[in-house]
Amino acid sequence: MAAIKRAPWSLRSYAALILASAIRTALATGGSESWSRVLWVAGFGILICRGSRIIWWLLVVGNSLYLIVTPFLFGELWLSIPLSVIGLALLLAPESRRYVFKRDPEPSPASEG
């Protein structure tokens, strides 16, 4: 839980955004598959707040592809497109990138040996 509190505001906001969107969809459509999606999204939110690079890349690529493909396949969706743009901006915010791609501190020569 401490790792989530250390996450920058942009990643915590992204996790809240995708979770709220999943819950809204589950409430609108119902069914157990909608609620299992909420659990998956919550897991992705926790992992992105813990700084998972793989999840970060999956979300960035997924949001980018969604923005490119959705208008051609489904027509412009009035709520999905802006939420995807906001999500992509939160993922690509400088503090998000710094947190996900932070380097582990290298041991000093004095501490070796």
PDB file of N, CA and C in Angstrom:
ATOM      1  N   MET A   1       0.818  -1.191   0.000  1.00  0.00           N
ATOM      2  CA  MET A   1       0.000   0.000   0.000  1.00  0.00           C
ATOM      3  C   MET A   1       0.862   1.256   0.000  1.00  0.00           C
ATOM      4  N   ALA A   2       2.056   1.156   0.591  1.00  0.00           N
ATOM      5  CA  ALA A   2       2.944   2.316   0.635  1.00  0.00           C
ATOM      6  C   ALA A   2       3.414   2.699  -0.762  1.00  0.00           C
ATOM      7  N   ALA A   3       3.580   1.699  -1.632  1.00  0.00           N
ATOM      8  CA  ALA A   3       4.014   1.981  -3.004  1.00  0.00           C
ATOM      9  C   ALA A   3       2.957   2.792  -3.747  1.00  0.00           C
ATOM     10  N   ILE A   4       1.697   2.522  -3.469  1.00  0.00           N
ATOM     11  CA  ILE A   4       0.623   3.277  -4.122  1.00  0.00           C
ATOM     12  C   ILE A   4       0.624   4.713  -3.630  1.00  0.00           C
ATOM     13  N   LYS A   5       0.891   4.928  -2.353  1.00  0.00           N
ATOM     14  CA  LYS A   5       0.935   6.286  -1.813  1.00  0.00           C
ATOM     15  C   LYS A   5       2.124   7.070  -2.362  1.00  0.00           C
ATOM     16  N   ARG A   6       3.216   6.369  -2.728  1.00  0.00           N
ATOM     17  CA  ARG A   6       4.392   7.037  -3.296  1.00  0.00           C
ATOM     18  C   ARG A   6       4.202   7.383  -4.764  1.00  0.00           C
ATOM     19  N   ALA A   7       3.242   6.742  -5.413  1.00  0.00           N
ATOM     20  CA  ALA A   7       3.017   6.986  -6.845  1.00  0.00           C
ATOM     21  C   ALA A   7       2.614   8.443  -7.059  1.00  0.00           C
ATOM     22  N   PRO A   8       3.041   9.041  -8.169  1.00  0.00           N
ATOM     23  CA  PRO A   8       2.679  10.427  -8.434  1.00  0.00           C
ATOM     24  C   PRO A   8       1.180  10.575  -8.664  1.00  0.00           C
ATOM     25  N   TRP A   9       0.703  11.791  -8.517  1.00  0.00           N
ATOM     26  CA  TRP A   9      -0.727  12.070  -8.653  1.00  0.00           C
ATOM     27  C   TRP A   9      -1.253  11.644 -10.018  1.00  0.00           C
ATOM     28  N   SER A  10      -0.420  11.743 -11.046  1.00  0.00           N
ATOM     29  CA  SER A  10      -0.889  11.426 -12.392  1.00  0.00           C
ATOM     30  C   SER A  10      -1.211   9.935 -12.534  1.00  0.00           C
ATOM     31  N   LEU A  11      -0.405   9.062 -11.950  1.00  0.00           N
ATOM     32  CA  LEU A  11      -0.684   7.629 -12.041  1.00  0.00           C
ATOM     33  C   LEU A  11      -1.857   7.235 -11.151  1.00  0.00           C
ATOM     34  N   ARG A  12      -1.963   7.842  -9.977  1.00  0.00           N
ATOM     35  CA  ARG A  12      -3.126   7.562  -9.123  1.00  0.00           C
ATOM     36  C   ARG A  12      -4.405   8.061  -9.782  1.00  0.00           C
ATOM     37  N   SER A  13      -4.331   9.214 -10.452  1.00  0.00           N
ATOM     38  CA  SER A  13      -5.499   9.730 -11.170  1.00  0.00           C
ATOM     39  C   SER A  13      -5.871   8.823 -12.333  1.00  0.00           C
ATOM     40  N   TYR A  14      -4.867   8.303 -13.049  1.00  0.00           N
ATOM     41  CA  TYR A  14      -5.144   7.382 -14.150  1.00  0.00           C
ATOM     42  C   TYR A  14      -5.817   6.116 -13.629  1.00  0.00           C
ATOM     43  N   ALA A  15      -5.311   5.568 -12.525  1.00  0.00           N
ATOM     44  CA  ALA A  15      -5.905   4.361 -11.954  1.00  0.00           C
ATOM     45  C   ALA A  15      -7.354   4.621 -11.549  1.00  0.00           C
ATOM     46  N   ALA A  16      -7.626   5.773 -10.959  1.00  0.00           N
ATOM     47  CA  ALA A  16      -8.997   6.112 -10.578  1.00  0.00           C
ATOM     48  C   ALA A  16      -9.881   6.290 -11.811  1.00  0.00           C
ATOM     49  N   LEU A  17      -9.337   6.879 -12.868  1.00  0.00           N
ATOM     50  CA  LEU A  17     -10.089   7.103 -14.104  1.00  0.00           C
ATOM     51  C   LEU A  17     -10.504   5.783 -14.748  1.00  0.00           C
ATOM     52  N   ILE A  18      -9.565   4.848 -14.876  1.00  0.00           N
ATOM     53  CA  ILE A  18      -9.909   3.587 -15.540  1.00  0.00           C
ATOM     54  C   ILE A  18     -10.828   2.739 -14.659  1.00  0.00           C
ATOM     55  N   LEU A  19     -10.668   2.824 -13.341  1.00  0.00           N
ATOM     56  CA  LEU A  19     -11.541   2.069 -12.450  1.00  0.00           C
ATOM     57  C   LEU A  19     -12.960   2.632 -12.480  1.00  0.00           C
ATOM     58  N   ALA A  20     -13.081   3.956 -12.457  1.00  0.00           N
ATOM     59  CA  ALA A  20     -14.410   4.572 -12.529  1.00  0.00           C
ATOM     60  C   ALA A  20     -15.095   4.242 -13.853  1.00  0.00           C
ATOM     61  N   SER A  21     -14.338   4.249 -14.936  1.00  0.00           N
ATOM     62  CA  SER A  21     -14.901   3.909 -16.242  1.00  0.00           C
ATOM     63  C   SER A  21     -15.363   2.453 -16.282  1.00  0.00           C
ATOM     64  N   ALA A  22     -14.579   1.555 -15.704  1.00  0.00           N
ATOM     65  CA  ALA A  22     -14.950   0.135 -15.679  1.00  0.00           C
ATOM     66  C   ALA A  22     -16.196  -0.088 -14.817  1.00  0.00           C
ATOM     67  N   ILE A  23     -16.274   0.602 -13.694  1.00  0.00           N
ATOM     68  CA  ILE A  23     -17.442   0.462 -12.823  1.00  0.00           C
ATOM     69  C   ILE A  23     -18.685   1.016 -13.517  1.00  0.00           C
ATOM     70  N   ARG A  24     -18.544   2.157 -14.207  1.00  0.00           N
ATOM     71  CA  ARG A  24     -19.680   2.739 -14.934  1.00  0.00           C
ATOM     72  C   ARG A  24     -20.184   1.771 -15.998  1.00  0.00           C
ATOM     73  N   THR A  25     -19.257   1.150 -16.713  1.00  0.00           N
ATOM     74  CA  THR A  25     -19.626   0.180 -17.743  1.00  0.00           C
ATOM     75  C   THR A  25     -20.296  -1.044 -17.122  1.00  0.00           C
ATOM     76  N   ALA A  26     -19.763  -1.527 -15.997  1.00  0.00           N
ATOM     77  CA  ALA A  26     -20.338  -2.702 -15.331  1.00  0.00           C
ATOM     78  C   ALA A  26     -21.741  -2.407 -14.821  1.00  0.00           C
ATOM     79  N   LEU A  27     -21.966  -1.221 -14.299  1.00  0.00           N
ATOM     80  CA  LEU A  27     -23.297  -0.862 -13.822  1.00  0.00           C
ATOM     81  C   LEU A  27     -24.290  -0.736 -14.979  1.00  0.00           C
ATOM     82  N   ALA A  28     -23.814  -0.235 -16.108  1.00  0.00           N
ATOM     83  CA  ALA A  28     -24.698  -0.042 -17.260  1.00  0.00           C
ATOM     84  C   ALA A  28     -25.052  -1.354 -17.946  1.00  0.00           C
ATOM     85  N   THR A  29     -24.080  -2.273 -18.039  1.00  0.00           N
ATOM     86  CA  THR A  29     -24.316  -3.506 -18.779  1.00  0.00           C
ATOM     87  C   THR A  29     -24.690  -4.676 -17.885  1.00  0.00           C
ATOM     88  N   GLY A  30     -24.195  -4.691 -16.672  1.00  0.00           N
ATOM     89  CA  GLY A  30     -24.481  -5.802 -15.771  1.00  0.00           C
ATOM     90  C   GLY A  30     -23.760  -7.063 -16.214  1.00  0.00           C
ATOM     91  N   GLY A  31     -23.990  -8.131 -15.513  1.00  0.00           N
ATOM     92  CA  GLY A  31     -23.364  -9.391 -15.873  1.00  0.00           C
ATOM     93  C   GLY A  31     -22.053  -9.606 -15.144  1.00  0.00           C
ATOM     94  N   SER A  32     -21.721 -10.878 -14.953  1.00  0.00           N
ATOM     95  CA  SER A  32     -20.512 -11.208 -14.205  1.00  0.00           C
ATOM     96  C   SER A  32     -19.243 -10.874 -14.977  1.00  0.00           C
ATOM     97  N   GLU A  33     -19.298 -10.930 -16.323  1.00  0.00           N
ATOM     98  CA  GLU A  33     -18.096 -10.607 -17.098  1.00  0.00           C
ATOM     99  C   GLU A  33     -17.721  -9.132 -16.953  1.00  0.00           C
ATOM    100  N   SER A  34     -18.708  -8.266 -16.764  1.00  0.00           N
ATOM    101  CA  SER A  34     -18.415  -6.845 -16.554  1.00  0.00           C
ATOM    102  C   SER A  34     -17.706  -6.635 -15.221  1.00  0.00           C
ATOM    103  N   TRP A  35     -18.141  -7.369 -14.202  1.00  0.00           N
ATOM    104  CA  TRP A  35     -17.528  -7.199 -12.888  1.00  0.00           C
ATOM    105  C   TRP A  35     -16.166  -7.871 -12.817  1.00  0.00           C
ATOM    106  N   SER A  36     -15.954  -8.918 -13.595  1.00  0.00           N
ATOM    107  CA  SER A  36     -14.611  -9.496 -13.633  1.00  0.00           C
ATOM    108  C   SER A  36     -13.648  -8.540 -14.330  1.00  0.00           C
ATOM    109  N   ARG A  37     -14.165  -7.766 -15.299  1.00  0.00           N
ATOM    110  CA  ARG A  37     -13.343  -6.738 -15.947  1.00  0.00           C
ATOM    111  C   ARG A  37     -12.932  -5.666 -14.932  1.00  0.00           C
ATOM    112  N   VAL A  38     -13.845  -5.331 -14.021  1.00  0.00           N
ATOM    113  CA  VAL A  38     -13.525  -4.351 -12.972  1.00  0.00           C
ATOM    114  C   VAL A  38     -12.355  -4.855 -12.129  1.00  0.00           C
ATOM    115  N   LEU A  39     -12.344  -6.146 -11.817  1.00  0.00           N
ATOM    116  CA  LEU A  39     -11.231  -6.708 -11.039  1.00  0.00           C
ATOM    117  C   LEU A  39      -9.916  -6.642 -11.808  1.00  0.00           C
ATOM    118  N   TRP A  40      -9.960  -6.940 -13.120  1.00  0.00           N
ATOM    119  CA  TRP A  40      -8.759  -6.832 -13.948  1.00  0.00           C
ATOM    120  C   TRP A  40      -8.249  -5.396 -13.978  1.00  0.00           C
ATOM    121  N   VAL A  41      -9.160  -4.452 -14.157  1.00  0.00           N
ATOM    122  CA  VAL A  41      -8.776  -3.038 -14.225  1.00  0.00           C
ATOM    123  C   VAL A  41      -8.196  -2.592 -12.885  1.00  0.00           C
ATOM    124  N   ALA A  42      -8.773  -3.051 -11.786  1.00  0.00           N
ATOM    125  CA  ALA A  42      -8.228  -2.708 -10.463  1.00  0.00           C
ATOM    126  C   ALA A  42      -6.810  -3.251 -10.316  1.00  0.00           C
ATOM    127  N   GLY A  43      -6.587  -4.457 -10.820  1.00  0.00           N
ATOM    128  CA  GLY A  43      -5.233  -5.027 -10.787  1.00  0.00           C
ATOM    129  C   GLY A  43      -4.253  -4.216 -11.613  1.00  0.00           C
ATOM    130  N   PHE A  44      -4.685  -3.797 -12.807  1.00  0.00           N
ATOM    131  CA  PHE A  44      -3.833  -2.950 -13.634  1.00  0.00           C
ATOM    132  C   PHE A  44      -3.541  -1.634 -12.914  1.00  0.00           C
ATOM    133  N   GLY A  45      -4.546  -1.069 -12.253  1.00  0.00           N
ATOM    134  CA  GLY A  45      -4.347   0.183 -11.519  1.00  0.00           C
ATOM    135  C   GLY A  45      -3.334   0.042 -10.400  1.00  0.00           C
ATOM    136  N   ILE A  46      -3.413  -1.065  -9.676  1.00  0.00           N
ATOM    137  CA  ILE A  46      -2.454  -1.300  -8.594  1.00  0.00           C
ATOM    138  C   ILE A  46      -1.049  -1.461  -9.160  1.00  0.00           C
ATOM    139  N   LEU A  47      -0.930  -2.236 -10.238  1.00  0.00           N
ATOM    140  CA  LEU A  47       0.397  -2.461 -10.826  1.00  0.00           C
ATOM    141  C   LEU A  47       1.000  -1.180 -11.399  1.00  0.00           C
ATOM    142  N   ILE A  48       0.179  -0.339 -12.028  1.00  0.00           N
ATOM    143  CA  ILE A  48       0.725   0.909 -12.585  1.00  0.00           C
ATOM    144  C   ILE A  48       1.135   1.846 -11.449  1.00  0.00           C
ATOM    145  N   CYS A  49       0.417   1.821 -10.341  1.00  0.00           N
ATOM    146  CA  CYS A  49       0.806   2.654  -9.198  1.00  0.00           C
ATOM    147  C   CYS A  49       2.053   2.127  -8.503  1.00  0.00           C
ATOM    148  N   ARG A  50       2.349   0.854  -8.701  1.00  0.00           N
ATOM    149  CA  ARG A  50       3.583   0.291  -8.143  1.00  0.00           C
ATOM    150  C   ARG A  50       4.767   0.493  -9.075  1.00  0.00           C
ATOM    151  N   GLY A  51       4.513   1.055 -10.271  1.00  0.00           N
ATOM    152  CA  GLY A  51       5.598   1.397 -11.180  1.00  0.00           C
ATOM    153  C   GLY A  51       5.960   0.315 -12.178  1.00  0.00           C
ATOM    154  N   SER A  52       5.030  -0.557 -12.534  1.00  0.00           N
ATOM    155  CA  SER A  52       5.311  -1.634 -13.486  1.00  0.00           C
ATOM    156  C   SER A  52       5.522  -1.069 -14.891  1.00  0.00           C
ATOM    157  N   ARG A  53       6.714  -1.286 -15.439  1.00  0.00           N
ATOM    158  CA  ARG A  53       7.022  -0.794 -16.787  1.00  0.00           C
ATOM    159  C   ARG A  53       6.228  -1.538 -17.848  1.00  0.00           C
ATOM    160  N   ILE A  54       6.047  -2.830 -17.669  1.00  0.00           N
ATOM    161  CA  ILE A  54       5.310  -3.623 -18.655  1.00  0.00           C
ATOM    162  C   ILE A  54       3.868  -3.141 -18.746  1.00  0.00           C
ATOM    163  N   ILE A  55       3.238  -2.940 -17.603  1.00  0.00           N
ATOM    164  CA  ILE A  55       1.845  -2.460 -17.599  1.00  0.00           C
ATOM    165  C   ILE A  55       1.788  -1.056 -18.187  1.00  0.00           C
ATOM    166  N   TRP A  56       2.772  -0.201 -17.866  1.00  0.00           N
ATOM    167  CA  TRP A  56       2.793   1.155 -18.415  1.00  0.00           C
ATOM    168  C   TRP A  56       2.835   1.098 -19.946  1.00  0.00           C
ATOM    169  N   TRP A  57       3.733   0.264 -20.490  1.00  0.00           N
ATOM    170  CA  TRP A  57       3.834   0.145 -21.950  1.00  0.00           C
ATOM    171  C   TRP A  57       2.541  -0.407 -22.553  1.00  0.00           C
ATOM    172  N   LEU A  58       1.964  -1.420 -21.922  1.00  0.00           N
ATOM    173  CA  LEU A  58       0.706  -1.980 -22.427  1.00  0.00           C
ATOM    174  C   LEU A  58      -0.397  -0.926 -22.456  1.00  0.00           C
ATOM    175  N   LEU A  59      -0.483  -0.124 -21.419  1.00  0.00           N
ATOM    176  CA  LEU A  59      -1.522   0.905 -21.359  1.00  0.00           C
ATOM    177  C   LEU A  59      -1.282   2.021 -22.370  1.00  0.00           C
ATOM    178  N   VAL A  60      -0.036   2.440 -22.540  1.00  0.00           N
ATOM    179  CA  VAL A  60       0.269   3.496 -23.515  1.00  0.00           C
ATOM    180  C   VAL A  60      -0.030   3.008 -24.937  1.00  0.00           C
ATOM    181  N   VAL A  61       0.439   1.815 -25.266  1.00  0.00           N
ATOM    182  CA  VAL A  61       0.188   1.270 -26.613  1.00  0.00           C
ATOM    183  C   VAL A  61      -1.303   1.023 -26.816  1.00  0.00           C
ATOM    184  N   GLY A  62      -1.970   0.474 -25.808  1.00  0.00           N
ATOM    185  CA  GLY A  62      -3.404   0.218 -25.912  1.00  0.00           C
ATOM    186  C   GLY A  62      -4.215   1.479 -26.105  1.00  0.00           C
ATOM    187  N   ASN A  63      -3.918   2.518 -25.328  1.00  0.00           N
ATOM    188  CA  ASN A  63      -4.629   3.797 -25.489  1.00  0.00           C
ATOM    189  C   ASN A  63      -4.357   4.423 -26.847  1.00  0.00           C
ATOM    190  N   SER A  64      -3.128   4.328 -27.305  1.00  0.00           N
ATOM    191  CA  SER A  64      -2.778   4.894 -28.618  1.00  0.00           C
ATOM    192  C   SER A  64      -3.519   4.175 -29.739  1.00  0.00           C
ATOM    193  N   LEU A  65      -3.524   2.849 -29.699  1.00  0.00           N
ATOM    194  CA  LEU A  65      -4.250   2.088 -30.715  1.00  0.00           C
ATOM    195  C   LEU A  65      -5.747   2.357 -30.650  1.00  0.00           C
ATOM    196  N   TYR A  66      -6.267   2.498 -29.445  1.00  0.00           N
ATOM    197  CA  TYR A  66      -7.690   2.800 -29.271  1.00  0.00           C
ATOM    198  C   TYR A  66      -8.043   4.124 -29.945  1.00  0.00           C
ATOM    199  N   LEU A  67      -7.181   5.114 -29.772  1.00  0.00           N
ATOM    200  CA  LEU A  67      -7.445   6.423 -30.384  1.00  0.00           C
ATOM    201  C   LEU A  67      -7.405   6.361 -31.905  1.00  0.00           C
ATOM    202  N   ILE A  68      -6.570   5.500 -32.451  1.00  0.00           N
ATOM    203  CA  ILE A  68      -6.439   5.395 -33.902  1.00  0.00           C
ATOM    204  C   ILE A  68      -7.575   4.572 -34.501  1.00  0.00           C
ATOM    205  N   VAL A  69      -7.926   3.463 -33.870  1.00  0.00           N
ATOM    206  CA  VAL A  69      -8.861   2.508 -34.456  1.00  0.00           C
ATOM    207  C   VAL A  69     -10.331   2.856 -34.196  1.00  0.00           C
ATOM    208  N   THR A  70     -10.653   3.340 -33.017  1.00  0.00           N
ATOM    209  CA  THR A  70     -12.048   3.544 -32.627  1.00  0.00           C
ATOM    210  C   THR A  70     -12.843   4.428 -33.581  1.00  0.00           C
ATOM    211  N   PRO A  71     -12.355   5.599 -33.999  1.00  0.00           N
ATOM    212  CA  PRO A  71     -13.175   6.426 -34.894  1.00  0.00           C
ATOM    213  C   PRO A  71     -13.492   5.748 -36.225  1.00  0.00           C
ATOM    214  N   PHE A  72     -12.597   4.901 -36.709  1.00  0.00           N
ATOM    215  CA  PHE A  72     -12.827   4.228 -37.983  1.00  0.00           C
ATOM    216  C   PHE A  72     -13.813   3.069 -37.852  1.00  0.00           C
ATOM    217  N   LEU A  73     -13.757   2.367 -36.744  1.00  0.00           N
ATOM    218  CA  LEU A  73     -14.617   1.196 -36.579  1.00  0.00           C
ATOM    219  C   LEU A  73     -15.993   1.523 -36.013  1.00  0.00           C
ATOM    220  N   PHE A  74     -16.041   2.424 -35.058  1.00  0.00           N
ATOM    221  CA  PHE A  74     -17.284   2.650 -34.342  1.00  0.00           C
ATOM    222  C   PHE A  74     -17.856   4.051 -34.528  1.00  0.00           C
ATOM    223  N   GLY A  75     -17.195   4.893 -35.275  1.00  0.00           N
ATOM    224  CA  GLY A  75     -17.602   6.293 -35.308  1.00  0.00           C
ATOM    225  C   GLY A  75     -17.057   6.964 -34.059  1.00  0.00           C
ATOM    226  N   GLU A  76     -17.135   8.236 -34.001  1.00  0.00           N
ATOM    227  CA  GLU A  76     -16.568   8.943 -32.853  1.00  0.00           C
ATOM    228  C   GLU A  76     -17.458   8.760 -31.635  1.00  0.00           C
ATOM    229  N   LEU A  77     -16.894   8.231 -30.590  1.00  0.00           N
ATOM    230  CA  LEU A  77     -17.620   8.017 -29.347  1.00  0.00           C
ATOM    231  C   LEU A  77     -17.373   9.217 -28.449  1.00  0.00           C
ATOM    232  N   TRP A  78     -18.419   9.899 -28.052  1.00  0.00           N
ATOM    233  CA  TRP A  78     -18.291  11.195 -27.392  1.00  0.00           C
ATOM    234  C   TRP A  78     -17.607  11.128 -26.036  1.00  0.00           C
ATOM    235  N   LEU A  79     -17.667  10.008 -25.339  1.00  0.00           N
ATOM    236  CA  LEU A  79     -17.043   9.935 -24.027  1.00  0.00           C
ATOM    237  C   LEU A  79     -15.727   9.153 -24.051  1.00  0.00           C
ATOM    238  N   SER A  80     -15.649   8.132 -24.868  1.00  0.00           N
ATOM    239  CA  SER A  80     -14.470   7.271 -24.864  1.00  0.00           C
ATOM    240  C   SER A  80     -13.217   7.963 -25.380  1.00  0.00           C
ATOM    241  N   ILE A  81     -13.357   8.753 -26.432  1.00  0.00           N
ATOM    242  CA  ILE A  81     -12.187   9.423 -27.015  1.00  0.00           C
ATOM    243  C   ILE A  81     -11.567  10.414 -26.029  1.00  0.00           C
ATOM    244  N   PRO A  82     -12.343  11.338 -25.439  1.00  0.00           N
ATOM    245  CA  PRO A  82     -11.714  12.267 -24.475  1.00  0.00           C
ATOM    246  C   PRO A  82     -11.105  11.557 -23.266  1.00  0.00           C
ATOM    247  N   LEU A  83     -11.762  10.511 -22.760  1.00  0.00           N
ATOM    248  CA  LEU A  83     -11.191   9.790 -21.622  1.00  0.00           C
ATOM    249  C   LEU A  83      -9.880   9.115 -21.989  1.00  0.00           C
ATOM    250  N   SER A  84      -9.806   8.613 -23.212  1.00  0.00           N
ATOM    251  CA  SER A  84      -8.570   7.980 -23.662  1.00  0.00           C
ATOM    252  C   SER A  84      -7.446   9.008 -23.822  1.00  0.00           C
ATOM    253  N   VAL A  85      -7.779  10.181 -24.325  1.00  0.00           N
ATOM    254  CA  VAL A  85      -6.779  11.252 -24.468  1.00  0.00           C
ATOM    255  C   VAL A  85      -6.288  11.701 -23.088  1.00  0.00           C
ATOM    256  N   ILE A  86      -7.215  11.869 -22.151  1.00  0.00           N
ATOM    257  CA  ILE A  86      -6.830  12.269 -20.791  1.00  0.00           C
ATOM    258  C   ILE A  86      -5.960  11.178 -20.156  1.00  0.00           C
ATOM    259  N   GLY A  87      -6.352   9.920 -20.339  1.00  0.00           N
ATOM    260  CA  GLY A  87      -5.561   8.816 -19.792  1.00  0.00           C
ATOM    261  C   GLY A  87      -4.162   8.771 -20.370  1.00  0.00           C
ATOM    262  N   LEU A  88      -4.057   8.974 -21.676  1.00  0.00           N
ATOM    263  CA  LEU A  88      -2.745   8.971 -22.320  1.00  0.00           C
ATOM    264  C   LEU A  88      -1.891  10.131 -21.806  1.00  0.00           C
ATOM    265  N   ALA A  89      -2.511  11.290 -21.611  1.00  0.00           N
ATOM    266  CA  ALA A  89      -1.773  12.436 -21.074  1.00  0.00           C
ATOM    267  C   ALA A  89      -1.282  12.152 -19.650  1.00  0.00           C
ATOM    268  N   LEU A  90      -2.104  11.495 -18.847  1.00  0.00           N
ATOM    269  CA  LEU A  90      -1.677  11.162 -17.481  1.00  0.00           C
ATOM    270  C   LEU A  90      -0.543  10.144 -17.479  1.00  0.00           C
ATOM    271  N   LEU A  91      -0.609   9.169 -18.386  1.00  0.00           N
ATOM    272  CA  LEU A  91       0.464   8.172 -18.462  1.00  0.00           C
ATOM    273  C   LEU A  91       1.773   8.779 -18.958  1.00  0.00           C
ATOM    274  N   LEU A  92       1.671   9.740 -19.871  1.00  0.00           N
ATOM    275  CA  LEU A  92       2.871  10.337 -20.462  1.00  0.00           C
ATOM    276  C   LEU A  92       3.366  11.575 -19.719  1.00  0.00           C
ATOM    277  N   ALA A  93       2.706  11.937 -18.636  1.00  0.00           N
ATOM    278  CA  ALA A  93       3.147  13.085 -17.835  1.00  0.00           C
ATOM    279  C   ALA A  93       4.581  12.835 -17.351  1.00  0.00           C
ATOM    280  N   PRO A  94       5.393  13.885 -17.268  1.00  0.00           N
ATOM    281  CA  PRO A  94       6.797  13.699 -16.868  1.00  0.00           C
ATOM    282  C   PRO A  94       6.969  12.967 -15.539  1.00  0.00           C
ATOM    283  N   GLU A  95       6.139  13.285 -14.539  1.00  0.00           N
ATOM    284  CA  GLU A  95       6.302  12.606 -13.251  1.00  0.00           C
ATOM    285  C   GLU A  95       5.931  11.128 -13.339  1.00  0.00           C
ATOM    286  N   SER A  96       4.998  10.777 -14.217  1.00  0.00           N
ATOM    287  CA  SER A  96       4.664   9.360 -14.412  1.00  0.00           C
ATOM    288  C   SER A  96       5.832   8.615 -15.034  1.00  0.00           C
ATOM    289  N   ARG A  97       6.416   9.204 -16.071  1.00  0.00           N
ATOM    290  CA  ARG A  97       7.556   8.557 -16.731  1.00  0.00           C
ATOM    291  C   ARG A  97       8.748   8.439 -15.797  1.00  0.00           C
ATOM    292  N   ARG A  98       9.007   9.477 -15.012  1.00  0.00           N
ATOM    293  CA  ARG A  98      10.129   9.418 -14.059  1.00  0.00           C
ATOM    294  C   ARG A  98       9.917   8.305 -13.031  1.00  0.00           C
ATOM    295  N   TYR A  99       8.673   8.168 -12.565  1.00  0.00           N
ATOM    296  CA  TYR A  99       8.375   7.160 -11.541  1.00  0.00           C
ATOM    297  C   TYR A  99       8.497   5.745 -12.109  1.00  0.00           C
ATOM    298  N   VAL A 100       7.966   5.526 -13.300  1.00  0.00           N
ATOM    299  CA  VAL A 100       7.986   4.184 -13.895  1.00  0.00           C
ATOM    300  C   VAL A 100       9.397   3.797 -14.329  1.00  0.00           C
ATOM    301  N   PHE A 101      10.150   4.759 -14.852  1.00  0.00           N
ATOM    302  CA  PHE A 101      11.480   4.448 -15.377  1.00  0.00           C
ATOM    303  C   PHE A 101      12.598   4.884 -14.445  1.00  0.00           C
ATOM    304  N   LYS A 102      12.288   4.950 -13.146  1.00  0.00           N
ATOM    305  CA  LYS A 102      13.332   5.323 -12.174  1.00  0.00           C
ATOM    306  C   LYS A 102      14.406   4.257 -12.164  1.00  0.00           C
ATOM    307  N   ARG A 103      15.614   4.700 -11.971  1.00  0.00           N
ATOM    308  CA  ARG A 103      16.738   3.759 -11.896  1.00  0.00           C
ATOM    309  C   ARG A 103      16.981   3.410 -10.441  1.00  0.00           C
ATOM    310  N   ASP A 104      17.306   2.170 -10.218  1.00  0.00           N
ATOM    311  CA  ASP A 104      17.657   1.759  -8.873  1.00  0.00           C
ATOM    312  C   ASP A 104      18.976   2.417  -8.498  1.00  0.00           C
ATOM    313  N   PRO A 105      19.083   2.907  -7.269  1.00  0.00           N
ATOM    314  CA  PRO A 105      20.344   3.544  -6.884  1.00  0.00           C
ATOM    315  C   PRO A 105      21.493   2.569  -6.947  1.00  0.00           C
ATOM    316  N   GLU A 106      22.573   3.030  -7.559  1.00  0.00           N
ATOM    317  CA  GLU A 106      23.752   2.177  -7.675  1.00  0.00           C
ATOM    318  C   GLU A 106      24.493   2.193  -6.344  1.00  0.00           C
ATOM    319  N   PRO A 107      25.015   1.045  -5.940  1.00  0.00           N
ATOM    320  CA  PRO A 107      25.752   1.000  -4.680  1.00  0.00           C
ATOM    321  C   PRO A 107      27.039   1.804  -4.795  1.00  0.00           C
ATOM    322  N   SER A 108      27.356   2.518  -3.742  1.00  0.00           N
ATOM    323  CA  SER A 108      28.584   3.310  -3.749  1.00  0.00           C
ATOM    324  C   SER A 108      29.777   2.376  -3.561  1.00  0.00           C
ATOM    325  N   PRO A 109      30.942   2.765  -4.090  1.00  0.00           N
ATOM    326  CA  PRO A 109      32.141   1.911  -3.959  1.00  0.00           C
ATOM    327  C   PRO A 109      32.525   1.670  -2.506  1.00  0.00           C
ATOM    328  N   ALA A 110      32.221   2.623  -1.603  1.00  0.00           N
ATOM    329  CA  ALA A 110      32.597   2.477  -0.214  1.00  0.00           C
ATOM    330  C   ALA A 110      31.768   1.383   0.463  1.00  0.00           C
ATOM    331  N   SER A 111      30.535   1.179   0.002  1.00  0.00           N
ATOM    332  CA  SER A 111      29.685   0.179   0.649  1.00  0.00           C
ATOM    333  C   SER A 111      29.990  -1.233   0.172  1.00  0.00           C
ATOM    334  N   GLU A 112      30.744  -1.357  -0.927  1.00  0.00           N
ATOM    335  CA  GLU A 112      31.117  -2.690  -1.403  1.00  0.00           C
ATOM    336  C   GLU A 112      32.329  -3.184  -0.608  1.00  0.00           C
ATOM    337  N   GLY A 113      32.356  -4.449  -0.404  1.00  0.00           N
ATOM    338  CA  GLY A 113      33.559  -5.006   0.085  1.00  0.00           C
ATOM    339  C   GLY A 113      33.680  -5.312   1.474  1.00  0.00           C
TER     340      GLY A 113
END
